[in-house]
Amino acid sequence: MQVANSFGVEPQRPTLPHIMVKPKIQGPQQSNKMDNYAITKQTPNSSGQGSTGVGPAEPSLGAIMAAISDLKSILEPKLDTVALDVSLLCTDLQRMADMMSMAESDIQTLWLTSKSVEEQVQTLTAQLATMAARLEDQEGHTRRNNIRVVGVLEGAEGASVNLFLEDLILKTLCPKRLSNFLSAERAHRVPILPLRLGAPPRTITARIFNHRDRDAILQAARTHSDLHYKKAVIRFFPDYILQIQKQRRSFVEVKVLRSKELKYMMLFPVKF
């Protein structure tokens, strides 16, 4: 039966009591997950609103089995996915382990090969240095009879450099201890092609037939500090290879001792 109040508003219907299962709040002392359920009973109060009463109750076996079944149905796909991911990770890790083993083997092989190559390079370097030293010695021996004349004006030699050089040596140096037959086997200017206008005259390189004549010419040139030919200063030098010239050039600072009248000597063999 419905009764309206003075305002014509129908009052609320009374709420029938019913039972509802809701989870309890977990606490640090709870260890059993099945204790998380309690029975809640709502009863109407005098104002028409329901009041809540909470009391512990044991869940039924069917509810437990249903919850387990639902949890299993939720977790099984996820576990399958996790198992598949773990299997793929294991496969990748195994592949990486195999690749690391192959890389270590290759690195070991390369290290052994590089060590062998390094030893071969050292051996070849030593052999090359020995061969270079022998080649320099052979080249130096081929130049033992050579002399270099610096300062002779261009064109002064005429048509024959050999005859000009023989005449120049006899007239300017007048060296003693010459053989009866002074002969310049080969003589030419270095470089072969003429230089530009205004450049200093090219050097004359000549090979003397007798090495004693070559030594006498250089000895006479050392005693004559000032030699001229057609008002041009000329000088005679031995024809050393480039490496020997560099070594002798590095010894120039020691020669300053001569100007200070200080005596010095070099022990054999001399090494620069």
Protein backbone atom coordinates (compact mmCIF):
# COMPACT_ATOMS: atom_id res chain seq x y z
CA MET A 1 0.00 0.00 0.00
CA GLN A 2 1.38 3.38 -1.01
CA VAL A 3 0.67 6.53 1.03
CA ALA A 4 1.58 10.01 -0.21
CA ASN A 5 2.81 12.69 2.19
CA SER A 6 1.61 16.27 2.37
CA PHE A 7 3.86 17.24 -0.54
CA GLY A 8 2.49 14.51 -2.76
CA VAL A 9 5.80 12.66 -2.89
CA GLU A 10 5.76 8.90 -2.67
CA PRO A 11 7.99 7.67 0.15
CA GLN A 12 10.87 5.26 -0.54
CA ARG A 13 10.20 1.59 -0.51
CA PRO A 14 11.83 -0.35 2.30
CA THR A 15 14.91 -2.33 1.27
CA LEU A 16 14.63 -6.05 1.74
CA PRO A 17 17.48 -7.69 3.58
CA HIS A 18 19.90 -9.63 1.41
CA ILE A 19 23.28 -11.23 1.70
CA MET A 20 26.31 -10.06 -0.37
CA VAL A 21 29.82 -11.55 -0.47
CA LYS A 22 32.61 -8.93 -0.69
CA PRO A 23 36.37 -9.17 -0.15
CA LYS A 24 37.94 -8.19 3.12
CA ILE A 25 40.85 -5.73 3.31
CA GLN A 26 44.16 -7.57 3.45
CA GLY A 27 46.34 -7.03 6.43
CA PRO A 28 49.94 -7.91 7.24
CA GLN A 29 48.83 -10.78 9.52
CA GLN A 30 46.76 -12.56 6.84
CA SER A 31 48.44 -15.40 4.95
CA ASN A 32 45.52 -17.43 3.62
CA LYS A 33 43.98 -15.97 0.47
CA MET A 34 40.68 -17.80 1.09
CA ASP A 35 40.07 -15.70 4.24
CA ASN A 36 39.55 -12.62 2.06
CA TYR A 37 35.84 -13.15 1.80
CA ALA A 38 33.11 -12.22 4.35
CA ILE A 39 29.31 -12.14 4.38
CA THR A 40 27.72 -8.72 4.50
CA LYS A 41 24.13 -8.33 5.67
CA GLN A 42 22.15 -5.17 4.99
CA THR A 43 19.02 -4.38 7.04
CA PRO A 44 16.89 -1.35 6.77
CA ASN A 45 17.04 1.23 9.54
CA SER A 46 14.36 3.49 10.78
CA SER A 47 15.06 6.10 8.11
CA GLY A 48 14.61 3.59 5.30
CA GLN A 49 18.32 3.32 4.47
CA GLY A 50 20.13 0.05 4.78
CA SER A 51 22.85 -0.51 7.35
CA THR A 52 25.80 -2.80 6.74
CA GLY A 53 26.91 -5.54 9.06
CA VAL A 54 30.11 -7.50 8.40
CA GLY A 55 30.87 -10.90 9.82
CA PRO A 56 33.31 -13.68 8.97
CA ALA A 57 32.01 -16.63 6.99
CA GLU A 58 33.49 -19.61 5.18
CA PRO A 59 33.09 -19.58 1.33
CA SER A 60 31.53 -22.59 -0.29
CA LEU A 61 33.58 -25.19 -2.17
CA GLY A 62 31.84 -24.36 -5.42
CA ALA A 63 32.80 -20.69 -5.11
CA ILE A 64 36.40 -21.69 -4.45
CA MET A 65 36.50 -24.02 -7.44
CA ALA A 66 34.88 -21.39 -9.65
CA ALA A 67 37.43 -18.80 -8.55
CA ILE A 68 40.27 -21.24 -9.23
CA SER A 69 38.82 -22.06 -12.65
CA ASP A 70 38.49 -18.37 -13.52
CA LEU A 71 42.04 -17.65 -12.34
CA LYS A 72 43.33 -20.62 -14.35
CA SER A 73 41.54 -19.48 -17.49
CA ILE A 74 43.06 -16.00 -17.06
CA LEU A 75 46.60 -17.12 -16.28
CA GLU A 76 46.99 -19.97 -18.79
CA PRO A 77 47.22 -17.73 -21.93
CA LYS A 78 49.61 -15.40 -20.18
CA LEU A 79 51.75 -18.27 -18.97
CA ASP A 80 51.84 -19.71 -22.47
CA THR A 81 52.98 -16.32 -23.81
CA VAL A 82 55.64 -16.04 -21.13
CA ALA A 83 56.82 -19.59 -21.84
CA LEU A 84 57.06 -18.80 -25.56
CA ASP A 85 59.01 -15.60 -24.87
CA VAL A 86 61.37 -17.45 -22.54
CA SER A 87 61.88 -20.15 -25.18
CA LEU A 88 62.70 -17.50 -27.79
CA LEU A 89 65.09 -15.80 -25.38
CA CYS A 90 66.82 -19.10 -24.70
CA THR A 91 67.16 -19.69 -28.44
CA ASP A 92 68.60 -16.21 -28.94
CA LEU A 93 70.99 -16.67 -26.03
CA GLN A 94 72.15 -20.00 -27.43
CA ARG A 95 72.67 -18.41 -30.84
CA MET A 96 74.62 -15.56 -29.24
CA ALA A 97 76.72 -18.07 -27.28
CA ASP A 98 77.52 -19.93 -30.51
CA MET A 99 78.40 -16.67 -32.25
CA MET A 100 80.62 -15.65 -29.33
CA SER A 101 82.40 -19.00 -29.52
CA MET A 102 82.95 -18.57 -33.24
CA ALA A 103 84.15 -14.99 -32.70
CA GLU A 104 86.60 -16.12 -30.01
CA SER A 105 87.90 -18.83 -32.33
CA ASP A 106 88.29 -16.35 -35.19
CA ILE A 107 90.01 -13.83 -32.90
CA GLN A 108 92.41 -16.52 -31.70
CA THR A 109 93.18 -17.51 -35.28
CA LEU A 110 93.67 -13.88 -36.29
CA TRP A 111 95.93 -13.27 -33.30
CA LEU A 112 98.10 -16.26 -34.17
CA THR A 113 98.17 -15.19 -37.82
CA SER A 114 99.04 -11.59 -36.93
CA LYS A 115 101.80 -12.80 -34.64
CA SER A 116 103.23 -14.93 -37.43
CA VAL A 117 102.90 -12.04 -39.89
CA GLU A 118 104.57 -9.69 -37.41
CA GLU A 119 107.51 -12.06 -37.07
CA GLN A 120 107.75 -12.31 -40.85
CA VAL A 121 107.62 -8.52 -41.17
CA GLN A 122 110.40 -8.15 -38.63
CA THR A 123 112.49 -10.71 -40.49
CA LEU A 124 111.84 -9.06 -43.84
CA THR A 125 112.57 -5.63 -42.37
CA ALA A 126 115.93 -6.84 -41.09
CA GLN A 127 116.71 -8.42 -44.45
CA LEU A 128 115.67 -5.25 -46.26
CA ALA A 129 117.89 -3.13 -44.00
CA THR A 130 120.80 -5.49 -44.68
CA MET A 131 120.19 -5.37 -48.43
CA ALA A 132 119.86 -1.58 -48.37
CA ALA A 133 123.15 -1.30 -46.49
CA ARG A 134 124.83 -3.59 -49.01
CA LEU A 135 123.37 -1.64 -51.90
CA GLU A 136 124.63 1.63 -50.43
CA ASP A 137 128.06 0.07 -49.95
CA GLN A 138 128.11 -1.16 -53.55
CA GLU A 139 127.01 2.24 -54.83
CA GLY A 140 129.67 3.88 -52.73
CA HIS A 141 132.30 1.55 -54.21
CA THR A 142 131.21 2.43 -57.73
CA ARG A 143 131.84 6.11 -56.92
CA ARG A 144 135.23 5.70 -55.30
CA ASN A 145 137.00 7.05 -58.41
CA ASN A 146 134.55 9.94 -58.93
CA ILE A 147 135.08 13.63 -58.25
CA ARG A 148 132.70 16.58 -58.35
CA VAL A 149 133.78 20.01 -59.62
CA VAL A 150 131.60 22.93 -58.48
CA GLY A 151 131.65 26.48 -59.81
CA VAL A 152 132.76 26.03 -63.45
CA LEU A 153 130.82 28.46 -65.64
CA GLU A 154 128.29 27.06 -68.07
CA GLY A 155 129.76 26.48 -71.55
CA ALA A 156 133.38 26.75 -70.40
CA GLU A 157 133.96 23.05 -71.05
CA GLY A 158 133.39 23.39 -74.80
CA ALA A 159 132.66 20.30 -76.83
CA SER A 160 134.52 17.75 -74.67
CA VAL A 161 134.08 17.77 -70.90
CA ASN A 162 136.74 15.06 -70.44
CA LEU A 163 139.54 16.99 -72.14
CA PHE A 164 138.50 20.22 -70.45
CA LEU A 165 138.58 18.62 -67.00
CA GLU A 166 142.02 17.04 -67.55
CA ASP A 167 143.42 20.39 -68.65
CA LEU A 168 141.73 22.19 -65.72
CA ILE A 169 143.25 19.80 -63.17
CA LEU A 170 146.76 20.15 -64.56
CA LYS A 171 146.62 23.96 -64.80
CA THR A 172 144.86 24.87 -61.54
CA LEU A 173 145.94 22.16 -59.11
CA CYS A 174 149.25 20.89 -60.46
CA PRO A 175 148.90 17.87 -58.18
CA LYS A 176 151.92 15.83 -57.31
CA ARG A 177 152.02 12.04 -57.32
CA LEU A 178 150.00 11.85 -60.51
CA SER A 179 150.45 8.90 -62.77
CA ASN A 180 152.07 9.32 -66.14
CA PHE A 181 148.69 9.15 -67.83
CA LEU A 182 145.85 11.24 -66.30
CA SER A 183 142.57 10.21 -67.83
CA ALA A 184 138.94 11.11 -67.08
CA GLU A 185 136.91 8.14 -68.27
CA ARG A 186 133.54 9.90 -68.12
CA ALA A 187 132.58 13.46 -67.35
CA HIS A 188 129.24 15.30 -67.57
CA ARG A 189 127.23 17.95 -65.84
CA VAL A 190 124.50 17.12 -63.28
CA PRO A 191 121.67 17.47 -64.04
CA ILE A 192 121.87 16.78 -67.74
CA LEU A 193 119.38 19.44 -68.82
CA PRO A 194 120.47 23.08 -68.43
CA LEU A 195 118.94 25.16 -65.67
CA ARG A 196 117.02 28.42 -66.01
CA LEU A 197 118.78 31.73 -66.63
CA GLY A 198 120.46 33.17 -63.55
CA ALA A 199 120.80 29.81 -61.83
CA PRO A 200 124.23 28.75 -60.48
CA PRO A 201 126.32 26.61 -62.83
CA ARG A 202 125.73 22.87 -62.78
CA THR A 203 128.18 20.51 -61.09
CA ILE A 204 130.61 18.50 -63.22
CA THR A 205 130.87 14.82 -62.22
CA ALA A 206 133.83 12.84 -63.56
CA ARG A 207 135.28 9.37 -63.11
CA ILE A 208 139.08 9.26 -62.95
CA PHE A 209 140.64 6.16 -64.42
CA ASN A 210 143.25 5.67 -61.67
CA HIS A 211 142.04 5.93 -58.06
CA ARG A 212 145.52 7.19 -57.02
CA ASP A 213 145.13 10.12 -59.36
CA ARG A 214 141.69 10.79 -57.85
CA ASP A 215 143.16 10.80 -54.29
CA ALA A 216 146.02 13.10 -55.40
CA ILE A 217 143.57 15.56 -57.00
CA LEU A 218 141.46 15.78 -53.81
CA GLN A 219 144.57 16.11 -51.62
CA ALA A 220 145.83 18.99 -53.80
CA ALA A 221 142.39 20.64 -53.67
CA ARG A 222 142.51 20.62 -49.84
CA THR A 223 145.84 22.44 -49.86
CA HIS A 224 144.55 25.13 -52.25
CA SER A 225 141.98 27.12 -50.33
CA ASP A 226 141.27 29.52 -53.20
CA LEU A 227 140.97 28.18 -56.76
CA HIS A 228 139.71 30.30 -59.66
CA TYR A 229 138.94 29.68 -63.30
CA LYS A 230 137.93 32.65 -65.43
CA LYS A 231 137.30 34.73 -62.29
CA ALA A 232 134.98 32.06 -60.88
CA VAL A 233 135.71 30.18 -57.65
CA ILE A 234 135.84 26.42 -58.21
CA ARG A 235 136.00 23.55 -55.72
CA PHE A 236 136.74 19.83 -55.92
CA PHE A 237 134.83 17.31 -53.78
CA PRO A 238 134.56 13.51 -53.59
CA ASP A 239 131.40 12.06 -55.11
CA TYR A 240 129.58 10.55 -52.12
CA ILE A 241 126.17 8.91 -52.23
CA LEU A 242 123.20 10.76 -50.75
CA GLN A 243 123.17 8.84 -47.44
CA ILE A 244 126.84 9.58 -46.84
CA GLN A 245 126.28 13.24 -47.65
CA LYS A 246 123.53 13.44 -45.03
CA GLN A 247 125.77 11.77 -42.45
CA ARG A 248 128.64 14.13 -43.20
CA ARG A 249 126.28 17.10 -43.05
CA SER A 250 125.25 16.10 -39.53
CA PHE A 251 128.93 16.28 -38.52
CA VAL A 252 129.38 19.92 -39.58
CA GLU A 253 128.86 21.27 -36.06
CA VAL A 254 131.83 19.25 -34.79
CA LYS A 255 134.09 20.85 -37.38
CA VAL A 256 133.67 24.17 -35.57
CA LEU A 257 136.32 22.87 -33.18
CA ARG A 258 138.89 23.46 -35.92
CA SER A 259 138.31 27.20 -35.84
CA LYS A 260 138.90 27.14 -32.08
CA GLU A 261 142.09 25.12 -32.52
CA LEU A 262 140.69 22.19 -30.55
CA LYS A 263 141.89 18.74 -31.53
CA TYR A 264 139.44 15.87 -31.86
CA MET A 265 139.50 12.37 -33.23
CA MET A 266 137.05 9.65 -34.28
CA LEU A 267 137.40 6.03 -33.28
CA PHE A 268 136.99 3.35 -35.92
CA PRO A 269 134.40 2.34 -36.99
CA VAL A 270 132.63 5.65 -37.12
CA LYS A 271 128.84 5.46 -36.73
CA PHE A 272 126.52 8.41 -37.20
